[in-house]
Amino acid sequence: MKKNFHQRNVTRREFLGQALALGGAVAVPSLIPATALGRDGAAAPSERIVLGGIGLGPRGQYDLSVMLPEKDVRFVAICDVQRSRRERVKQMVDAHYGNRDCVCYRSLFELLARPDIDAVLIATGDHWHALASLLAAKAGKDVYSEKPCGMTVGEIQALADGIHRYGRVFQAGTQRRSVSNFQYAAHLAQSGKLGRLHTLHASVYVPQKSYTWLPAEPEPPREECDWDAWLGPAPWRPYNKNYVSGGWRGHHDFEAGGNFLDWGAHTVDLCQWANQADHTTPIEYEATPTSVIARYANGVKLVCDFLPTAFGNRDPQYHTSTGTCPVRYEGDEGWVETGDNSEIVLSPGLAKSRQRQFTGTGLSSAGHGRNFFDCVKSRSKPVCNQDIMRRSHIACFAAQLSWQLGRKLVLDPVKEEFVGDDEANRMRRRATREPWSFHI
């Protein structure tokens, strides 16, 4: 008889003890069949991926909405420290399947202890992404994690190394690699259609940092919102309802990289891709009043632009209508720019022969999720796997630290440390609050 996972809470100590007792067993890649019966046109149970969710607010609920229609995926459980979000996801899932089977948990250790769950969708706040992903990997789950995937260089290193250690499939939620207009722009850069590539532009919008605390408010009952668990590895501070409703953004303790990572995790990642630099990072970073200018060993320049919207707000040569997350790739024979409105804008010499139209899919994560599920089955690496994520996130952190410190930084892309700058190297990591540590 299978254990009833609804009967009691699994404590963190019990969960980690069980994981340690299993030792290397959790590292064996396997696909445990779902037990739910198939429906019309659904995949057979032996071919179905059983999915759980951790921390699904507005972004996570959107991700889930495009994953639910996948015929070979079955979503069975939601964990969230806020009851309102647990109930919202359950309502959404039960309405989709026409039943009341979605199980709610407040503790992620309960969800991760279920052996029937193959993979998890993680869309907590930034400060929980790395630890939740590591705990899931150690529990034998494949991971789709929203970005930024960690708060520091050290967290990103620990996460990428942990995914390898436990033999899991990992997809970072930088979905634009799976969107047609961004794919076409990268193709033009990589195939030589722009000539020799020399400059890449990644909009990171306006960086900011805040160390202030919101006014203290009475903590709600744990069943309504488990504040201690919401904080997790972040430093303690008093409860305020604005934090848990999305107002954590902009606060140093909760947002990675002063919002460099919020946008750069997409745009810098796309520039890495266009430059065929997924295996490395830029080596020099220098802040200006309007950007951080980075340079690769191959001479290509990466400009992390501080822009309130699209490139055109600062320089009339840039197109103004490509939408959020714009990127621009420039070569000796032309340039291409694109963004979330799906339009491809080309330099005059290329526009006549290579202009293409794409429908508005710039924000969709449907294809990205499908790539993840295919890799869960094949055990191959997704398009934004842990190694690709590691390099692009570290590049963002290096740019952010150059801006924060106000000086040029030189990064060794192999050692992933700054050359001759002890202060910058210390800032690659920060302490985490016990017992929510990374000693797993």
Protein backbone atom coordinates (compact mmCIF):
# COMPACT_ATOMS: atom_id res chain seq x y z
CA MET A 1 0.00 0.00 0.00
CA LYS A 2 1.27 3.43 -0.91
CA LYS A 3 1.89 5.91 1.85
CA ASN A 4 -0.81 8.54 2.36
CA PHE A 5 1.08 11.83 2.00
CA HIS A 6 -1.87 13.83 3.26
CA GLN A 7 -1.73 12.46 6.80
CA ARG A 8 1.02 14.54 8.40
CA ASN A 9 3.69 17.15 7.76
CA VAL A 10 7.19 16.03 6.84
CA THR A 11 9.72 18.12 8.70
CA ARG A 12 12.85 19.52 7.13
CA ARG A 13 14.98 17.31 9.42
CA GLU A 14 13.05 14.18 8.43
CA PHE A 15 13.23 15.04 4.73
CA LEU A 16 16.96 15.65 4.71
CA GLY A 17 17.54 12.56 6.82
CA GLN A 18 15.62 10.46 4.33
CA ALA A 19 17.52 11.98 1.42
CA LEU A 20 20.88 11.31 3.09
CA ALA A 21 19.83 7.76 3.89
CA LEU A 22 19.05 7.17 0.23
CA GLY A 23 22.54 8.38 -0.70
CA GLY A 24 23.25 8.04 -4.37
CA ALA A 25 19.88 6.44 -5.07
CA VAL A 26 18.25 9.80 -5.67
CA ALA A 27 20.82 10.61 -8.31
CA VAL A 28 19.71 7.90 -10.71
CA PRO A 29 17.74 9.49 -13.57
CA SER A 30 14.40 7.77 -13.83
CA LEU A 31 10.85 8.45 -14.85
CA ILE A 32 8.30 7.07 -12.40
CA PRO A 33 4.97 6.53 -14.17
CA ALA A 34 1.94 8.52 -13.05
CA THR A 35 -0.86 6.56 -11.42
CA ALA A 36 -3.69 8.64 -12.77
CA LEU A 37 -5.76 7.12 -15.57
CA GLY A 38 -5.49 8.54 -19.06
CA ARG A 39 -8.14 10.63 -20.72
CA ASP A 40 -9.16 11.15 -24.33
CA GLY A 41 -6.00 11.64 -26.32
CA ALA A 42 -3.82 11.67 -23.20
CA ALA A 43 -0.50 9.89 -22.98
CA ALA A 44 -0.42 6.46 -21.40
CA PRO A 45 0.40 6.53 -17.68
CA SER A 46 3.83 5.02 -18.34
CA GLU A 47 4.65 7.95 -20.64
CA ARG A 48 3.23 10.70 -18.46
CA ILE A 49 5.25 13.21 -16.44
CA VAL A 50 3.83 13.90 -12.99
CA LEU A 51 4.36 17.55 -12.09
CA GLY A 52 4.18 19.51 -8.85
CA GLY A 53 4.45 23.24 -8.22
CA ILE A 54 6.31 25.26 -5.57
CA GLY A 55 5.48 28.91 -4.96
CA LEU A 56 3.11 29.67 -7.82
CA GLY A 57 2.08 33.31 -7.75
CA PRO A 58 1.05 35.27 -10.87
CA ARG A 59 4.11 34.29 -12.94
CA GLY A 60 4.03 30.68 -11.83
CA GLN A 61 0.32 30.46 -12.52
CA TYR A 62 0.94 31.71 -16.04
CA ASP A 63 3.66 29.08 -16.55
CA LEU A 64 1.28 26.44 -15.27
CA SER A 65 -1.51 27.62 -17.57
CA VAL A 66 0.58 26.78 -20.65
CA MET A 67 1.82 23.50 -19.17
CA LEU A 68 -1.58 22.09 -18.23
CA PRO A 69 -2.67 21.48 -21.86
CA GLU A 70 0.34 19.20 -22.45
CA LYS A 71 -1.20 15.74 -22.92
CA ASP A 72 1.76 13.88 -21.39
CA VAL A 73 1.92 16.03 -18.24
CA ARG A 74 -0.26 15.66 -15.15
CA PHE A 75 -0.13 18.34 -12.44
CA VAL A 76 -0.99 16.81 -9.06
CA ALA A 77 0.13 19.06 -6.20
CA ILE A 78 0.84 22.66 -5.23
CA CYS A 79 3.00 23.88 -2.36
CA ASP A 80 2.81 27.52 -1.34
CA VAL A 81 3.25 29.23 2.02
CA GLN A 82 0.21 31.41 1.27
CA ARG A 83 -3.17 29.69 1.51
CA SER A 84 -4.80 32.04 -1.02
CA ARG A 85 -2.29 31.01 -3.67
CA ARG A 86 -2.57 27.32 -2.85
CA GLU A 87 -6.32 27.54 -3.25
CA ARG A 88 -6.09 29.58 -6.45
CA VAL A 89 -3.82 27.00 -8.09
CA LYS A 90 -5.96 24.10 -6.90
CA GLN A 91 -9.05 25.78 -8.35
CA MET A 92 -7.23 26.33 -11.64
CA VAL A 93 -5.96 22.75 -11.88
CA ASP A 94 -9.19 21.07 -10.77
CA ALA A 95 -11.17 23.13 -13.29
CA HIS A 96 -8.82 22.03 -16.06
CA TYR A 97 -9.03 18.31 -15.24
CA GLY A 98 -12.68 18.33 -14.15
CA ASN A 99 -12.01 16.84 -10.72
CA ARG A 100 -10.84 17.85 -7.22
CA ASP A 101 -7.62 15.86 -7.10
CA CYS A 102 -4.96 18.58 -6.83
CA VAL A 103 -3.38 18.34 -3.37
CA CYS A 104 -2.28 21.44 -1.41
CA TYR A 105 0.77 21.63 0.84
CA ARG A 106 2.23 24.43 2.92
CA SER A 107 5.63 22.71 3.27
CA LEU A 108 7.75 21.96 0.23
CA PHE A 109 9.23 18.98 2.10
CA GLU A 110 5.85 17.25 2.00
CA LEU A 111 5.56 17.73 -1.74
CA LEU A 112 9.16 16.67 -2.42
CA ALA A 113 8.71 13.51 -0.33
CA ARG A 114 6.16 12.16 -2.83
CA PRO A 115 7.85 9.50 -4.98
CA ASP A 116 5.20 9.78 -7.71
CA ILE A 117 6.24 13.35 -8.64
CA ASP A 118 8.79 13.42 -11.45
CA ALA A 119 9.35 17.15 -11.88
CA VAL A 120 8.58 20.48 -10.23
CA LEU A 121 7.79 23.97 -11.46
CA ILE A 122 9.42 26.52 -9.12
CA ALA A 123 8.26 30.13 -9.26
CA THR A 124 8.85 31.47 -5.76
CA GLY A 125 10.47 34.83 -5.11
CA ASP A 126 14.09 35.16 -6.24
CA HIS A 127 15.53 34.38 -2.79
CA TRP A 128 14.07 30.84 -2.78
CA HIS A 129 14.84 29.71 -6.35
CA ALA A 130 18.28 28.16 -5.79
CA LEU A 131 17.56 26.38 -2.52
CA ALA A 132 14.18 25.04 -3.65
CA SER A 133 15.78 23.77 -6.87
CA LEU A 134 18.60 22.06 -4.97
CA LEU A 135 16.21 20.42 -2.53
CA ALA A 136 14.08 19.21 -5.43
CA ALA A 137 17.11 17.82 -7.27
CA LYS A 138 18.28 16.00 -4.15
CA ALA A 139 14.79 14.51 -3.84
CA GLY A 140 15.14 13.10 -7.36
CA LYS A 141 12.95 15.65 -9.15
CA ASP A 142 13.69 17.39 -12.44
CA VAL A 143 13.40 21.16 -12.18
CA TYR A 144 11.92 24.02 -14.19
CA SER A 145 12.87 27.16 -12.23
CA GLU A 146 11.85 30.70 -12.92
CA LYS A 147 14.67 33.19 -13.12
CA PRO A 148 16.77 34.65 -11.65
CA CYS A 149 17.81 31.19 -10.51
CA GLY A 150 19.88 32.42 -7.56
CA MET A 151 20.74 35.48 -5.50
CA THR A 152 24.54 35.38 -5.81
CA VAL A 153 27.36 33.89 -7.85
CA GLY A 154 27.84 31.34 -5.06
CA GLU A 155 24.20 30.21 -5.20
CA ILE A 156 24.37 29.82 -8.97
CA GLN A 157 27.53 27.74 -8.69
CA ALA A 158 26.00 25.54 -5.99
CA LEU A 159 22.83 25.06 -8.03
CA ALA A 160 24.56 24.14 -11.28
CA ASP A 161 26.96 21.79 -9.50
CA GLY A 162 24.07 20.22 -7.58
CA ILE A 163 22.03 19.52 -10.72
CA HIS A 164 25.02 17.62 -12.11
CA ARG A 165 25.63 15.83 -8.81
CA TYR A 166 22.08 14.53 -8.58
CA GLY A 167 21.74 13.74 -12.28
CA ARG A 168 18.63 15.85 -12.89
CA VAL A 169 17.22 17.76 -15.86
CA PHE A 170 17.11 21.52 -15.30
CA GLN A 171 15.51 24.31 -17.30
CA ALA A 172 15.88 27.99 -16.38
CA GLY A 173 12.76 30.02 -17.11
CA THR A 174 14.51 32.26 -19.65
CA GLN A 175 11.88 31.35 -22.20
CA ARG A 176 12.91 33.69 -25.00
CA ARG A 177 15.38 31.11 -26.31
CA SER A 178 12.29 29.12 -27.26
CA VAL A 179 10.53 31.98 -29.08
CA SER A 180 10.73 32.32 -32.87
CA ASN A 181 11.71 35.97 -33.32
CA PHE A 182 14.55 35.71 -30.79
CA GLN A 183 15.66 32.47 -32.41
CA TYR A 184 15.76 34.14 -35.84
CA ALA A 185 17.75 37.12 -34.55
CA ALA A 186 20.30 34.76 -32.98
CA HIS A 187 20.48 32.80 -36.24
CA LEU A 188 21.38 35.96 -38.17
CA ALA A 189 24.17 36.72 -35.70
CA GLN A 190 25.55 33.19 -35.56
CA SER A 191 25.39 32.43 -39.30
CA GLY A 192 27.42 35.41 -40.44
CA LYS A 193 24.49 37.23 -42.05
CA LEU A 194 25.46 40.35 -40.06
CA GLY A 195 29.11 39.98 -40.98
CA ARG A 196 31.68 39.92 -38.20
CA LEU A 197 29.80 40.44 -34.95
CA HIS A 198 31.23 43.31 -32.90
CA THR A 199 28.57 44.73 -30.51
CA LEU A 200 25.66 43.29 -28.55
CA HIS A 201 23.04 45.36 -26.70
CA ALA A 202 21.07 43.96 -23.76
CA SER A 203 18.55 46.18 -22.04
CA VAL A 204 18.69 45.75 -18.24
CA TYR A 205 16.50 48.81 -17.63
CA VAL A 206 17.39 50.99 -14.63
CA PRO A 207 19.34 49.21 -11.86
CA GLN A 208 18.36 49.96 -8.27
CA LYS A 209 18.88 48.76 -4.73
CA SER A 210 16.97 49.33 -1.50
CA TYR A 211 18.06 48.32 2.00
CA THR A 212 15.01 49.76 3.77
CA TRP A 213 12.39 47.74 5.67
CA LEU A 214 8.68 48.19 5.27
CA PRO A 215 6.78 48.96 8.51
CA ALA A 216 6.18 45.95 10.75
CA GLU A 217 2.68 44.47 10.75
CA PRO A 218 1.16 41.63 12.81
CA GLU A 219 2.01 38.24 11.39
CA PRO A 220 -0.96 36.27 10.07
CA PRO A 221 -1.61 32.68 11.23
CA ARG A 222 0.89 30.24 9.72
CA GLU A 223 -1.85 28.50 7.76
CA GLU A 224 -2.69 31.80 6.07
CA CYS A 225 0.93 32.76 5.43
CA ASP A 226 3.96 31.05 6.91
CA TRP A 227 6.21 34.12 7.20
CA ASP A 228 9.26 32.25 8.48
CA ALA A 229 9.07 29.83 5.56
CA TRP A 230 8.44 32.70 3.12
CA LEU A 231 11.68 34.34 4.29
CA GLY A 232 13.52 31.01 4.10
CA PRO A 233 17.24 31.66 3.49
CA ALA A 234 16.81 35.46 3.43
CA PRO A 235 17.71 37.55 6.51
CA TRP A 236 14.94 37.98 9.04
CA ARG A 237 12.79 41.11 8.99
CA PRO A 238 9.29 41.85 10.32
CA TYR A 239 6.25 40.85 8.29
CA ASN A 240 4.52 43.28 5.96
CA LYS A 241 1.74 42.13 3.65
CA ASN A 242 3.26 44.02 0.72
CA TYR A 243 6.26 41.68 0.64
CA VAL A 244 4.17 38.56 0.11
CA SER A 245 1.94 40.22 -2.50
CA GLY A 246 4.85 41.04 -4.81
CA GLY A 247 6.28 44.07 -3.04
CA TRP A 248 9.54 42.22 -2.30
CA ARG A 249 10.93 43.44 -5.61
CA GLY A 250 13.56 46.14 -5.30
CA HIS A 251 14.65 45.02 -1.83
CA HIS A 252 18.27 43.87 -1.65
CA ASP A 253 17.49 40.86 0.56
CA PHE A 254 14.89 39.49 -1.86
CA GLU A 255 15.84 40.54 -5.40
CA ALA A 256 18.92 39.28 -7.18
CA GLY A 257 21.42 41.78 -8.49
CA GLY A 258 19.58 45.08 -8.05
CA ASN A 259 17.21 44.06 -10.90
CA PHE A 260 20.13 43.36 -13.25
CA LEU A 261 19.09 39.72 -13.10
CA ASP A 262 15.39 40.47 -13.46
CA TRP A 263 15.94 41.62 -17.05
CA GLY A 264 19.53 40.61 -17.77
CA ALA A 265 18.78 36.95 -17.09
CA HIS A 266 16.85 37.21 -20.38
CA THR A 267 18.69 39.82 -22.44
CA VAL A 268 22.28 39.07 -21.44
CA ASP A 269 21.46 35.39 -21.90
CA LEU A 270 20.24 36.09 -25.44
CA CYS A 271 23.43 38.03 -26.22
CA GLN A 272 25.54 35.16 -24.89
CA TRP A 273 23.63 32.90 -27.27
CA ALA A 274 24.03 35.21 -30.27
CA ASN A 275 27.78 35.42 -29.60
CA GLN A 276 28.02 31.61 -29.31
CA ALA A 277 29.46 32.22 -25.84
CA ASP A 278 27.36 29.82 -23.74
CA HIS A 279 30.58 28.20 -22.53
CA THR A 280 32.11 31.42 -21.16
CA THR A 281 31.44 35.01 -20.03
CA PRO A 282 32.78 38.46 -20.82
CA ILE A 283 36.10 39.09 -19.09
CA GLU A 284 35.94 42.88 -18.50
CA TYR A 285 33.10 44.97 -17.04
CA GLU A 286 33.06 48.75 -16.69
CA ALA A 287 30.13 50.90 -15.59
CA THR A 288 29.18 54.19 -17.25
CA PRO A 289 26.32 56.53 -16.29
CA THR A 290 24.03 54.80 -18.80
CA SER A 291 25.32 51.23 -19.08
CA VAL A 292 27.83 48.59 -18.13
CA ILE A 293 30.15 47.80 -21.02
CA ALA A 294 31.57 44.28 -21.02
CA ARG A 295 34.05 42.69 -23.40
CA TYR A 296 34.57 39.08 -24.40
CA ALA A 297 37.94 37.49 -25.03
CA ASN A 298 37.05 37.36 -28.75
CA GLY A 299 36.73 41.17 -28.81
CA VAL A 300 32.93 41.39 -29.01
CA LYS A 301 31.47 44.17 -26.85
CA LEU A 302 28.37 43.63 -24.71
CA VAL A 303 26.51 46.79 -23.70
CA CYS A 304 24.11 46.37 -20.76
CA ASP A 305 21.92 49.41 -21.37
CA PHE A 306 20.15 51.24 -18.52
CA LEU A 307 16.98 52.16 -20.34
CA PRO A 308 13.48 52.94 -19.03
CA THR A 309 11.84 51.17 -22.00
CA ALA A 310 13.18 50.36 -25.47
CA PHE A 311 16.49 51.40 -26.99
CA GLY A 312 14.94 54.24 -28.96
CA ASN A 313 14.37 56.35 -25.85
CA ARG A 314 18.06 57.23 -25.79
CA ASP A 315 19.35 57.05 -29.34
CA PRO A 316 17.26 57.80 -32.44
CA GLN A 317 19.10 55.17 -34.47
CA TYR A 318 17.46 52.47 -32.37
CA HIS A 319 14.00 51.27 -33.22
CA THR A 320 11.38 52.13 -30.60
CA SER A 321 8.69 49.51 -31.03
CA THR A 322 10.33 46.15 -30.31
CA GLY A 323 8.78 45.96 -26.84
CA THR A 324 10.17 44.78 -23.52
CA CYS A 325 13.41 42.77 -23.25
CA PRO A 326 14.89 44.25 -26.44
CA VAL A 327 18.22 42.98 -27.75
CA ARG A 328 20.32 44.23 -30.64
CA TYR A 329 23.17 42.48 -32.46
CA GLU A 330 25.55 44.51 -34.65
CA GLY A 331 28.04 43.29 -37.21
CA ASP A 332 30.19 44.77 -39.94
CA GLU A 333 27.45 44.21 -42.53
CA GLY A 334 24.31 45.09 -40.60
CA TRP A 335 22.30 44.80 -37.41
CA VAL A 336 19.13 43.17 -36.09
CA GLU A 337 16.91 44.16 -33.18
CA THR A 338 13.97 42.37 -31.63
CA GLY A 339 11.90 42.26 -28.44
CA ASP A 340 8.70 41.03 -26.92
CA ASN A 341 6.38 42.45 -29.53
CA SER A 342 7.89 39.82 -31.89
CA GLU A 343 8.93 42.30 -34.56
CA ILE A 344 12.26 41.81 -36.32
CA VAL A 345 13.91 45.12 -37.26
CA LEU A 346 16.89 45.03 -39.60
CA SER A 347 19.42 47.54 -40.89
CA PRO A 348 18.46 48.96 -44.31
CA GLY A 349 20.87 46.75 -46.23
CA LEU A 350 19.34 43.57 -44.80
CA ALA A 351 15.71 44.59 -44.54
CA LYS A 352 14.79 43.95 -48.17
CA SER A 353 16.12 40.42 -48.32
CA ARG A 354 15.64 39.14 -44.78
CA GLN A 355 12.63 40.90 -43.27
CA ARG A 356 10.35 38.41 -41.54
CA GLN A 357 7.12 38.67 -39.61
CA PHE A 358 6.41 36.78 -36.42
CA THR A 359 3.17 36.59 -34.50
CA GLY A 360 3.10 37.93 -30.96
CA THR A 361 4.65 35.10 -28.95
CA GLY A 362 7.45 37.01 -27.24
CA LEU A 363 6.23 36.38 -23.70
CA SER A 364 4.97 32.82 -24.12
CA SER A 365 6.72 30.06 -22.16
CA ALA A 366 4.77 27.24 -23.84
CA GLY A 367 7.59 26.13 -26.13
CA HIS A 368 10.11 26.42 -23.32
CA GLY A 369 8.05 24.14 -21.12
CA ARG A 370 7.64 21.67 -23.96
CA ASN A 371 11.41 21.58 -24.43
CA PHE A 372 11.80 20.82 -20.72
CA PHE A 373 9.27 17.98 -20.79
CA ASP A 374 10.87 16.45 -23.87
CA CYS A 375 14.22 16.49 -22.07
CA VAL A 376 12.72 14.94 -18.95
CA LYS A 377 11.84 11.99 -21.15
CA SER A 378 15.05 11.85 -23.20
CA ARG A 379 17.40 12.87 -20.33
CA SER A 380 19.08 15.39 -22.63
CA LYS A 381 19.89 18.99 -21.71
CA PRO A 382 17.24 21.68 -22.27
CA VAL A 383 17.95 24.87 -24.21
CA CYS A 384 18.52 26.81 -20.97
CA ASN A 385 20.14 24.11 -18.87
CA GLN A 386 22.17 24.64 -15.70
CA ASP A 387 25.44 25.31 -17.53
CA ILE A 388 24.00 27.91 -19.90
CA MET A 389 22.18 29.55 -17.00
CA ARG A 390 25.36 29.56 -14.91
CA ARG A 391 27.39 31.55 -17.43
CA SER A 392 24.74 34.13 -18.31
CA HIS A 393 23.75 34.68 -14.67
CA ILE A 394 27.39 35.12 -13.60
CA ALA A 395 27.87 37.67 -16.40
CA CYS A 396 24.88 39.59 -15.02
CA PHE A 397 26.24 39.47 -11.48
CA ALA A 398 29.63 40.72 -12.68
CA ALA A 399 27.99 43.63 -14.51
CA GLN A 400 25.88 44.43 -11.45
CA LEU A 401 28.92 44.45 -9.15
CA SER A 402 30.80 46.76 -11.53
CA TRP A 403 27.84 49.16 -11.36
CA GLN A 404 27.50 48.83 -7.58
CA LEU A 405 31.21 49.29 -6.87
CA GLY A 406 31.67 51.96 -9.54
CA ARG A 407 34.84 50.49 -11.01
CA LYS A 408 36.16 48.21 -13.71
CA LEU A 409 36.21 44.50 -12.89
CA VAL A 410 38.12 41.73 -14.62
CA LEU A 411 36.58 38.26 -14.37
CA ASP A 412 38.38 34.97 -14.88
CA PRO A 413 35.64 32.96 -16.68
CA VAL A 414 37.20 29.62 -15.75
CA LYS A 415 37.76 30.24 -12.03
CA GLU A 416 34.66 32.48 -11.90
CA GLU A 417 36.44 34.97 -9.70
CA PHE A 418 37.55 38.59 -10.09
CA VAL A 419 41.21 39.26 -10.73
CA GLY A 420 42.89 41.34 -8.02
CA ASP A 421 39.68 42.56 -6.34
CA ASP A 422 39.10 41.02 -2.92
CA GLU A 423 36.02 43.12 -2.21
CA ALA A 424 34.27 42.04 -5.40
CA ASN A 425 35.17 38.41 -4.70
CA ARG A 426 33.66 38.60 -1.21
CA MET A 427 30.46 39.97 -2.74
CA ARG A 428 30.03 36.83 -4.84
CA ARG A 429 28.38 35.24 -1.80
CA ARG A 430 26.21 36.19 1.14
CA ALA A 431 25.20 34.42 4.32
CA THR A 432 21.92 32.49 4.44
CA ARG A 433 19.65 32.20 7.45
CA GLU A 434 19.68 28.93 9.34
CA PRO A 435 18.22 26.39 9.08
CA TRP A 436 17.59 27.34 5.44
CA SER A 437 21.18 26.75 4.38
CA PHE A 438 22.85 25.35 1.28
CA HIS A 439 24.66 22.58 3.20
CA ILE A 440 22.81 19.78 1.42
